[in-house]
C-alpha atoms as a PDB file:
ATOM      1  CA  MET A   1      66.890 116.230 117.057  1.00  0.00           C
ATOM      2  CA  ILE A   2      68.293 112.866 114.944  1.00  0.00           C
ATOM      3  CA  ALA A   3      65.817 113.105 112.446  1.00  0.00           C
ATOM      4  CA  GLU A   4      65.643 117.361 111.856  1.00  0.00           C
ATOM      5  CA  HIS A   5      70.022 116.493 111.613  1.00  0.00           C
ATOM      6  CA  LYS A   6      69.421 114.010 109.008  1.00  0.00           C
ATOM      7  CA  LYS A   7      67.019 115.703 106.908  1.00  0.00           C
ATOM      8  CA  THR A   8      69.592 118.416 106.797  1.00  0.00           C
ATOM      9  CA  THR A   9      72.168 116.076 106.290  1.00  0.00           C
ATOM     10  CA  GLU A  10      70.731 114.120 103.919  1.00  0.00           C
ATOM     11  CA  ALA A  11      69.695 118.058 101.822  1.00  0.00           C
ATOM     12  CA  ARG A  12      73.059 118.550 101.579  1.00  0.00           C
ATOM     13  CA  MET A  13      73.813 114.748  99.902  1.00  0.00           C
ATOM     14  CA  GLN A  14      71.389 115.950  97.439  1.00  0.00           C
ATOM     15  CA  LYS A  15      73.121 119.360  97.042  1.00  0.00           C
ATOM     16  CA  SER A  16      76.276 117.567  96.020  1.00  0.00           C
ATOM     17  CA  ILE A  17      74.651 115.527  93.862  1.00  0.00           C
ATOM     18  CA  GLU A  18      72.913 118.495  92.096  1.00  0.00           C
ATOM     19  CA  ALA A  19      76.080 120.345  91.677  1.00  0.00           C
ATOM     20  CA  LEU A  20      78.052 116.839  90.216  1.00  0.00           C
ATOM     21  CA  LYS A  21      74.660 116.552  87.899  1.00  0.00           C
ATOM     22  CA  GLN A  22      75.314 120.181  86.603  1.00  0.00           C
ATOM     23  CA  ASP A  23      78.987 119.538  86.178  1.00  0.00           C
ATOM     24  CA  LEU A  24      78.539 116.933  84.149  1.00  0.00           C
ATOM     25  CA  ALA A  25      76.132 118.720  82.260  1.00  0.00           C
ATOM     26  CA  LYS A  26      79.447 120.603  81.088  1.00  0.00           C
ATOM     27  CA  ILE A  27      81.483 118.173  79.898  1.00  0.00           C
ATOM     28  CA  ARG A  28      80.233 117.974  76.160  1.00  0.00           C
ATOM     29  CA  THR A  29      79.322 114.956  74.679  1.00  0.00           C
ATOM     30  CA  GLY A  30      79.557 116.077  71.175  1.00  0.00           C
ATOM     31  CA  ARG A  31      75.399 116.347  70.885  1.00  0.00           C
ATOM     32  CA  ALA A  32      74.597 120.472  70.848  1.00  0.00           C
ATOM     33  CA  HIS A  33      72.787 121.037  74.251  1.00  0.00           C
ATOM     34  CA  THR A  34      71.535 124.323  75.146  1.00  0.00           C
ATOM     35  CA  GLY A  35      72.747 124.415  79.235  1.00  0.00           C
ATOM     36  CA  LEU A  36      76.684 124.225  77.263  1.00  0.00           C
ATOM     37  CA  LEU A  37      77.093 127.388  77.430  1.00  0.00           C
ATOM     38  CA  ASP A  38      75.593 128.101  80.800  1.00  0.00           C
ATOM     39  CA  HIS A  39      78.918 128.716  82.016  1.00  0.00           C
ATOM     40  CA  VAL A  40      80.398 131.306  79.634  1.00  0.00           C
ATOM     41  CA  GLN A  41      81.032 134.460  80.435  1.00  0.00           C
ATOM     42  CA  VAL A  42      80.026 137.587  78.500  1.00  0.00           C
ATOM     43  CA  GLU A  43      81.368 141.596  79.086  1.00  0.00           C
ATOM     44  CA  TYR A  44      78.406 143.740  79.701  1.00  0.00           C
ATOM     45  CA  TYR A  45      78.545 146.568  80.309  1.00  0.00           C
ATOM     46  CA  GLY A  46      82.116 146.173  82.046  1.00  0.00           C
ATOM     47  CA  SER A  47      80.138 143.794  84.467  1.00  0.00           C
ATOM     48  CA  PRO A  48      80.814 139.842  83.530  1.00  0.00           C
ATOM     49  CA  VAL A  49      77.115 137.770  83.629  1.00  0.00           C
ATOM     50  CA  PRO A  50      76.018 134.565  81.800  1.00  0.00           C
ATOM     51  CA  ILE A  51      75.613 134.282  78.809  1.00  0.00           C
ATOM     52  CA  ASN A  52      71.892 133.148  78.863  1.00  0.00           C
ATOM     53  CA  GLN A  53      71.446 136.470  80.497  1.00  0.00           C
ATOM     54  CA  VAL A  54      72.410 138.576  77.333  1.00  0.00           C
ATOM     55  CA  ALA A  55      70.953 136.309  74.249  1.00  0.00           C
ATOM     56  CA  ASN A  56      68.567 133.191  73.134  1.00  0.00           C
ATOM     57  CA  ILE A  57      70.335 129.553  72.642  1.00  0.00           C
ATOM     58  CA  THR A  58      68.506 127.325  71.470  1.00  0.00           C
ATOM     59  CA  LEU A  59      69.338 123.454  69.701  1.00  0.00           C
ATOM     60  CA  ILE A  60      69.524 124.154  65.729  1.00  0.00           C
ATOM     61  CA  ASP A  61      69.634 120.621  64.957  1.00  0.00           C
ATOM     62  CA  ALA A  62      72.376 117.730  67.432  1.00  0.00           C
ATOM     63  CA  ARG A  63      75.209 119.201  66.420  1.00  0.00           C
ATOM     64  CA  THR A  64      74.701 122.769  66.543  1.00  0.00           C
ATOM     65  CA  LEU A  65      73.820 125.565  68.558  1.00  0.00           C
ATOM     66  CA  GLY A  66      72.116 129.009  67.571  1.00  0.00           C
ATOM     67  CA  VAL A  67      72.264 131.839  69.232  1.00  0.00           C
ATOM     68  CA  GLN A  68      69.715 134.833  69.550  1.00  0.00           C
ATOM     69  CA  VAL A  69      71.769 138.278  71.165  1.00  0.00           C
ATOM     70  CA  TRP A  70      69.546 140.015  72.456  1.00  0.00           C
ATOM     71  CA  GLU A  71      70.759 144.008  71.867  1.00  0.00           C
ATOM     72  CA  LYS A  72      73.401 143.850  68.258  1.00  0.00           C
ATOM     73  CA  PRO A  73      76.784 145.518  69.638  1.00  0.00           C
ATOM     74  CA  LEU A  74      77.053 143.020  72.058  1.00  0.00           C
ATOM     75  CA  ALA A  75      77.458 140.039  68.836  1.00  0.00           C
ATOM     76  CA  VAL A  76      81.035 140.490  68.345  1.00  0.00           C
ATOM     77  CA  LYS A  77      81.799 139.748  72.546  1.00  0.00           C
ATOM     78  CA  VAL A  78      79.560 137.080  72.583  1.00  0.00           C
ATOM     79  CA  GLU A  79      81.206 135.637  70.330  1.00  0.00           C
ATOM     80  CA  LYS A  80      84.666 135.738  71.768  1.00  0.00           C
ATOM     81  CA  ALA A  81      83.467 134.419  75.085  1.00  0.00           C
ATOM     82  CA  ILE A  82      81.963 131.085  73.492  1.00  0.00           C
ATOM     83  CA  ARG A  83      85.326 131.156  71.573  1.00  0.00           C
ATOM     84  CA  GLU A  84      87.568 131.726  74.751  1.00  0.00           C
ATOM     85  CA  SER A  85      86.062 129.721  77.094  1.00  0.00           C
ATOM     86  CA  ASP A  86      87.300 126.617  77.993  1.00  0.00           C
ATOM     87  CA  LEU A  87      84.660 124.447  75.343  1.00  0.00           C
ATOM     88  CA  GLY A  88      87.240 124.623  71.969  1.00  0.00           C
ATOM     89  CA  LEU A  89      84.619 125.550  70.248  1.00  0.00           C
ATOM     90  CA  ASN A  90      84.480 127.842  67.196  1.00  0.00           C
ATOM     91  CA  PRO A  91      81.244 130.189  66.426  1.00  0.00           C
ATOM     92  CA  SER A  92      80.958 131.830  63.310  1.00  0.00           C
ATOM     93  CA  ALA A  93      78.177 134.901  63.586  1.00  0.00           C
ATOM     94  CA  GLN A  94      75.948 135.173  60.620  1.00  0.00           C
ATOM     95  CA  GLY A  95      73.703 138.317  60.556  1.00  0.00           C
ATOM     96  CA  GLU A  96      72.112 138.596  64.583  1.00  0.00           C
ATOM     97  CA  LEU A  97      72.550 134.703  64.422  1.00  0.00           C
ATOM     98  CA  ILE A  98      76.063 132.868  65.844  1.00  0.00           C
ATOM     99  CA  ARG A  99      75.882 129.843  65.064  1.00  0.00           C
ATOM    100  CA  VAL A 100      78.083 127.306  67.439  1.00  0.00           C
ATOM    101  CA  PRO A 101      79.016 123.897  65.822  1.00  0.00           C
ATOM    102  CA  MET A 102      79.501 120.993  67.534  1.00  0.00           C
ATOM    103  CA  PRO A 103      83.177 119.853  66.437  1.00  0.00           C
ATOM    104  CA  ALA A 104      83.072 116.339  66.656  1.00  0.00           C
ATOM    105  CA  LEU A 105      84.717 114.219  69.757  1.00  0.00           C
ATOM    106  CA  THR A 106      88.214 111.899  68.497  1.00  0.00           C
ATOM    107  CA  GLU A 107      89.417 109.512  70.333  1.00  0.00           C
ATOM    108  CA  GLU A 108      91.744 110.733  72.583  1.00  0.00           C
ATOM    109  CA  ARG A 109      89.620 113.415  73.536  1.00  0.00           C
ATOM    110  CA  ARG A 110      86.972 111.115  75.031  1.00  0.00           C
ATOM    111  CA  ARG A 111      89.262 109.268  76.358  1.00  0.00           C
ATOM    112  CA  ASP A 112      90.683 113.040  78.566  1.00  0.00           C
ATOM    113  CA  LEU A 113      86.792 113.452  78.980  1.00  0.00           C
ATOM    114  CA  ALA A 114      85.914 110.180  80.924  1.00  0.00           C
ATOM    115  CA  LYS A 115      89.055 111.680  83.214  1.00  0.00           C
ATOM    116  CA  VAL A 116      87.092 114.345  83.775  1.00  0.00           C
ATOM    117  CA  VAL A 117      84.359 112.576  84.646  1.00  0.00           C
ATOM    118  CA  LYS A 118      86.208 110.253  87.005  1.00  0.00           C
ATOM    119  CA  ASN A 119      87.280 113.295  88.928  1.00  0.00           C
ATOM    120  CA  GLU A 120      83.773 115.001  88.742  1.00  0.00           C
ATOM    121  CA  GLY A 121      82.902 111.696  90.574  1.00  0.00           C
ATOM    122  CA  GLU A 122      85.603 111.416  92.681  1.00  0.00           C
ATOM    123  CA  SER A 123      84.718 115.031  94.230  1.00  0.00           C
ATOM    124  CA  ALA A 124      81.540 114.582  94.771  1.00  0.00           C
ATOM    125  CA  ARG A 125      81.922 110.775  97.003  1.00  0.00           C
ATOM    126  CA  VAL A 126      84.494 112.723  98.791  1.00  0.00           C
ATOM    127  CA  ALA A 127      81.776 115.448  99.777  1.00  0.00           C
ATOM    128  CA  VAL A 128      79.578 112.957 100.230  1.00  0.00           C
ATOM    129  CA  ARG A 129      82.014 111.496 102.988  1.00  0.00           C
ATOM    130  CA  ASN A 130      82.396 114.677 104.501  1.00  0.00           C
ATOM    131  CA  LEU A 131      78.755 115.141 105.254  1.00  0.00           C
ATOM    132  CA  ARG A 132      79.127 111.623 106.626  1.00  0.00           C
ATOM    133  CA  ARG A 133      82.034 112.301 108.709  1.00  0.00           C
ATOM    134  CA  ASP A 134      80.432 116.034 109.934  1.00  0.00           C
ATOM    135  CA  ALA A 135      77.489 114.194 110.205  1.00  0.00           C
ATOM    136  CA  ASN A 136      78.374 110.752 112.570  1.00  0.00           C
ATOM    137  CA  GLN A 137      80.695 114.105 115.220  1.00  0.00           C
ATOM    138  CA  TYR A 138      77.309 115.787 115.414  1.00  0.00           C
ATOM    139  CA  LEU A 139      76.600 112.791 116.928  1.00  0.00           C
ATOM    140  CA  LYS A 140      79.658 112.121 119.039  1.00  0.00           C
ATOM    141  CA  GLU A 141      79.122 115.895 120.578  1.00  0.00           C
ATOM    142  CA  ALA A 142      75.978 114.760 121.120  1.00  0.00           C
ATOM    143  CA  VAL A 143      76.094 111.779 123.164  1.00  0.00           C
ATOM    144  CA  LYS A 144      79.114 113.530 125.343  1.00  0.00           C
ATOM    145  CA  LYS A 145      76.855 116.317 125.902  1.00  0.00           C
ATOM    146  CA  LYS A 146      74.035 113.411 127.004  1.00  0.00           C
ATOM    147  CA  GLU A 147      71.293 115.301 124.550  1.00  0.00           C
ATOM    148  CA  ILE A 148      71.347 111.308 123.323  1.00  0.00           C
ATOM    149  CA  SER A 149      72.049 107.479 124.560  1.00  0.00           C
ATOM    150  CA  GLU A 150      74.875 105.740 122.944  1.00  0.00           C
ATOM    151  CA  ASP A 151      71.964 103.312 121.143  1.00  0.00           C
ATOM    152  CA  ASP A 152      70.646 105.992 119.878  1.00  0.00           C
ATOM    153  CA  GLU A 153      73.813 107.696 118.545  1.00  0.00           C
ATOM    154  CA  ARG A 154      75.127 104.100 116.992  1.00  0.00           C
ATOM    155  CA  ARG A 155      70.844 103.754 115.582  1.00  0.00           C
ATOM    156  CA  ALA A 156      71.833 107.327 113.525  1.00  0.00           C
ATOM    157  CA  GLN A 157      75.547 106.678 112.272  1.00  0.00           C
ATOM    158  CA  ASP A 158      73.083 103.484 110.716  1.00  0.00           C
ATOM    159  CA  ASP A 159      71.065 105.683 108.976  1.00  0.00           C
ATOM    160  CA  VAL A 160      73.890 108.160 108.198  1.00  0.00           C
ATOM    161  CA  GLN A 161      75.884 105.164 106.770  1.00  0.00           C
ATOM    162  CA  LYS A 162      72.628 104.084 104.675  1.00  0.00           C
ATOM    163  CA  LEU A 163      72.168 107.692 103.057  1.00  0.00           C
ATOM    164  CA  THR A 164      75.881 107.534 102.487  1.00  0.00           C
ATOM    165  CA  ASP A 165      75.959 104.748 101.062  1.00  0.00           C
ATOM    166  CA  LYS A 166      72.219 105.574  98.659  1.00  0.00           C
ATOM    167  CA  TYR A 167      74.220 109.017  97.519  1.00  0.00           C
ATOM    168  CA  VAL A 168      77.579 107.471  96.516  1.00  0.00           C
ATOM    169  CA  ALA A 169      75.161 104.288  94.216  1.00  0.00           C
ATOM    170  CA  GLU A 170      73.523 107.949  92.796  1.00  0.00           C
ATOM    171  CA  ILE A 171      76.595 108.727  91.809  1.00  0.00           C
ATOM    172  CA  ASP A 172      78.265 105.453  90.484  1.00  0.00           C
ATOM    173  CA  LYS A 173      74.975 105.461  88.194  1.00  0.00           C
ATOM    174  CA  LEU A 174      75.816 109.281  86.898  1.00  0.00           C
ATOM    175  CA  LEU A 175      79.088 108.636  86.198  1.00  0.00           C
ATOM    176  CA  VAL A 176      78.444 105.473  84.489  1.00  0.00           C
ATOM    177  CA  GLN A 177      75.755 107.595  82.100  1.00  0.00           C
ATOM    178  CA  LYS A 178      77.836 109.959  81.432  1.00  0.00           C
ATOM    179  CA  GLU A 179      80.918 107.962  80.857  1.00  0.00           C
ATOM    180  CA  ASN A 180      78.501 106.092  78.020  1.00  0.00           C
ATOM    181  CA  GLU A 181      76.850 109.071  76.622  1.00  0.00           C
ATOM    182  CA  LEU A 182      81.108 109.885  76.063  1.00  0.00           C
ATOM    183  CA  MET A 183      82.146 106.685  74.924  1.00  0.00           C
ATOM    184  CA  ALA A 184      78.885 106.140  72.576  1.00  0.00           C
ATOM    185  CA  VAL A 185      80.337 107.707  68.685  1.00  0.00           C
END
């Protein structure tokens, strides 16, 4: 019972790490990567869909993305969706191919993005700590119901704390990597 709950808690903490990785991937570092446009939504027959469901996204070079739209009439909508996204990109259509150049980041913009990275990291830490709290609450309830002993609860709480420390350290490592990427000119 305790082992099963620990596995569940660890899986949920791992999901928090994965969510952080996805959020950090959306923060651009001046280099182009295909995942940058994943959250951009395009109006497709009356409903918003992710851009990767209506086009192929490729790297043309280190600072330019190429978006190859599958249906020609969608090219205008895709270009507009990229321009209006929160990424600050200015795409240009060249026939069926939409080129999306990555502008160089200014020092001020780098600092702003570093703050965003720190906020994302803090949100992930809070999520992991909330999972720890939930797990400890579950253990206290199990002791009240006399399902486990107090010694088992104490050992399980120590294990949950070790899990929390492990995942918080992983979050810190991810944040340092992303900040170093951002500050590299």
